[in-house]
Protein backbone atom coordinates (compact mmCIF):
# COMPACT_ATOMS: atom_id res chain seq x y z
CA UNK A 1 -7.25 16.36 29.07
CA UNK A 2 -4.86 13.97 27.39
CA UNK A 3 -5.44 11.95 24.27
CA UNK A 4 -5.76 8.75 26.33
CA UNK A 5 -8.41 10.33 28.56
CA UNK A 6 -10.36 11.43 25.49
CA UNK A 7 -10.21 7.91 24.04
CA UNK A 8 -11.37 6.40 27.34
CA UNK A 9 -14.38 8.75 27.37
CA UNK A 10 -15.39 7.37 23.98
CA UNK A 11 -15.97 4.05 25.67
CA UNK A 12 -12.82 2.38 24.47
CA UNK A 13 -13.98 2.44 20.85
CA UNK A 14 -10.45 2.71 19.56
CA UNK A 15 -9.08 -0.02 21.78
CA UNK A 16 -11.91 -2.37 20.78
CA UNK A 17 -11.93 -1.83 17.02
CA UNK A 18 -8.45 -0.75 15.96
CA UNK A 19 -7.56 -4.23 14.67
CA UNK A 20 -10.55 -4.32 12.34
CA UNK A 21 -9.79 -0.82 11.12
CA UNK A 22 -6.15 -1.68 10.51
CA UNK A 23 -7.11 -4.86 8.64
CA UNK A 24 -9.51 -2.87 6.45
CA UNK A 25 -6.90 -0.22 5.65
CA UNK A 26 -4.28 -2.89 4.92
CA UNK A 27 -6.69 -4.67 2.55
CA UNK A 28 -7.56 -1.39 0.83
CA UNK A 29 -3.88 -0.57 0.30
CA UNK A 30 -3.21 -4.02 -1.20
CA UNK A 31 -6.22 -3.80 -3.53
CA UNK A 32 -5.15 -0.37 -4.76
CA UNK A 33 -1.48 -1.36 -5.14
CA UNK A 34 -1.94 -4.70 -6.89
CA UNK A 35 -5.27 -4.07 -8.60
CA UNK A 36 -6.03 -0.47 -9.48
CA UNK A 37 -2.49 0.79 -10.04
CA UNK A 38 -1.46 -2.33 -11.95
CA UNK A 39 -4.47 -1.98 -14.26
CA UNK A 40 -3.73 1.71 -14.78
CA UNK A 41 -0.08 0.95 -15.61
CA UNK A 42 -1.04 -1.73 -18.14
CA UNK A 43 -3.61 0.55 -19.76
CA UNK A 44 -1.03 3.31 -20.08
CA UNK A 45 1.70 1.06 -21.50
CA UNK A 46 -0.67 -0.55 -23.99
CA UNK A 47 -1.89 2.84 -25.25
CA UNK A 48 -0.19 3.52 -28.57
CA UNK A 49 -1.40 7.12 -28.55
CA UNK A 50 0.21 7.72 -25.15
CA UNK A 51 3.59 6.38 -26.29
CA UNK A 52 3.46 8.27 -29.60
CA UNK A 53 2.62 11.54 -27.83
CA UNK A 54 5.61 11.19 -25.53
CA UNK A 55 8.01 10.15 -28.30
CA UNK A 56 7.06 13.20 -30.40
CA UNK A 57 8.47 15.47 -27.70
CA UNK A 58 11.75 13.54 -27.24
CA UNK A 59 14.80 13.96 -29.48
CA UNK A 60 15.36 10.97 -31.76
CA UNK A 61 18.66 9.91 -30.16
CA UNK A 62 17.01 9.63 -26.70
CA UNK A 63 13.92 7.67 -27.73
CA UNK A 64 15.41 4.29 -26.87
CA UNK A 65 16.03 5.32 -23.27
CA UNK A 66 12.56 6.83 -22.96
CA UNK A 67 10.97 3.62 -24.28
CA UNK A 68 12.89 1.60 -21.70
CA UNK A 69 11.41 3.75 -18.94
CA UNK A 70 7.88 3.69 -20.34
CA UNK A 71 7.81 -0.05 -21.00
CA UNK A 72 9.55 -1.06 -17.77
CA UNK A 73 7.56 -3.51 -15.68
CA UNK A 74 5.65 -2.00 -12.79
CA UNK A 75 6.93 -2.62 -9.28
CA UNK A 76 4.24 -2.46 -6.59
CA UNK A 77 4.74 0.46 -4.22
CA UNK A 78 4.44 -1.70 -1.11
CA UNK A 79 7.39 -3.90 -2.13
CA UNK A 80 9.94 -1.06 -2.27
CA UNK A 81 12.64 -1.33 0.36
CA UNK A 82 12.54 -5.10 0.61
CA UNK A 83 8.91 -5.22 1.70
CA UNK A 84 9.32 -3.15 4.85
CA UNK A 85 5.62 -2.28 4.64
CA UNK A 86 4.72 -5.96 4.98
CA UNK A 87 7.26 -6.51 7.75
CA UNK A 88 5.84 -3.58 9.71
CA UNK A 89 2.22 -4.57 9.22
CA UNK A 90 3.05 -8.19 10.06
CA UNK A 91 4.70 -7.07 13.28
CA UNK A 92 1.62 -5.09 14.27
CA UNK A 93 -0.76 -7.95 13.47
CA UNK A 94 1.49 -10.48 15.22
CA UNK A 95 1.79 -8.29 18.30
CA UNK A 96 -1.97 -7.89 18.39
CA UNK A 97 -2.50 -11.65 18.06
CA UNK A 98 0.06 -12.47 20.75
CA UNK A 99 -1.45 -9.84 23.03
CA UNK A 100 -4.91 -11.25 22.42
CA UNK A 101 -3.73 -14.73 23.36
CA UNK A 102 -2.22 -13.41 26.55
CA UNK A 103 -5.49 -11.74 27.51
CA UNK A 104 -7.41 -14.97 27.08
CA UNK A 105 -5.04 -16.89 29.32
CA UNK A 106 -5.39 -14.36 32.14
CA UNK A 107 -9.17 -14.64 32.20
């Protein structure tokens, strides 16, 4: 039995609901990347105790470089590589929308 046969036995659940699942996962990733991780980064940078604890372990001549790294602005994970994550997800959503339009015209 192939994977496609197994999916067809499930009544086409995956083929009917994959767009909703993908939209939910995409939304969850965005909320975590721009909400949760950004809040965590700000809380860490604004914590004086955190910065002092790190600077105690670093030699005095290297503290300036360490502070630059600690206080650097946060870059969202999904924007690395020129936003390839968004390009890929946009291509999937666009292909699904174009395919959906084609199905409506055939009926």
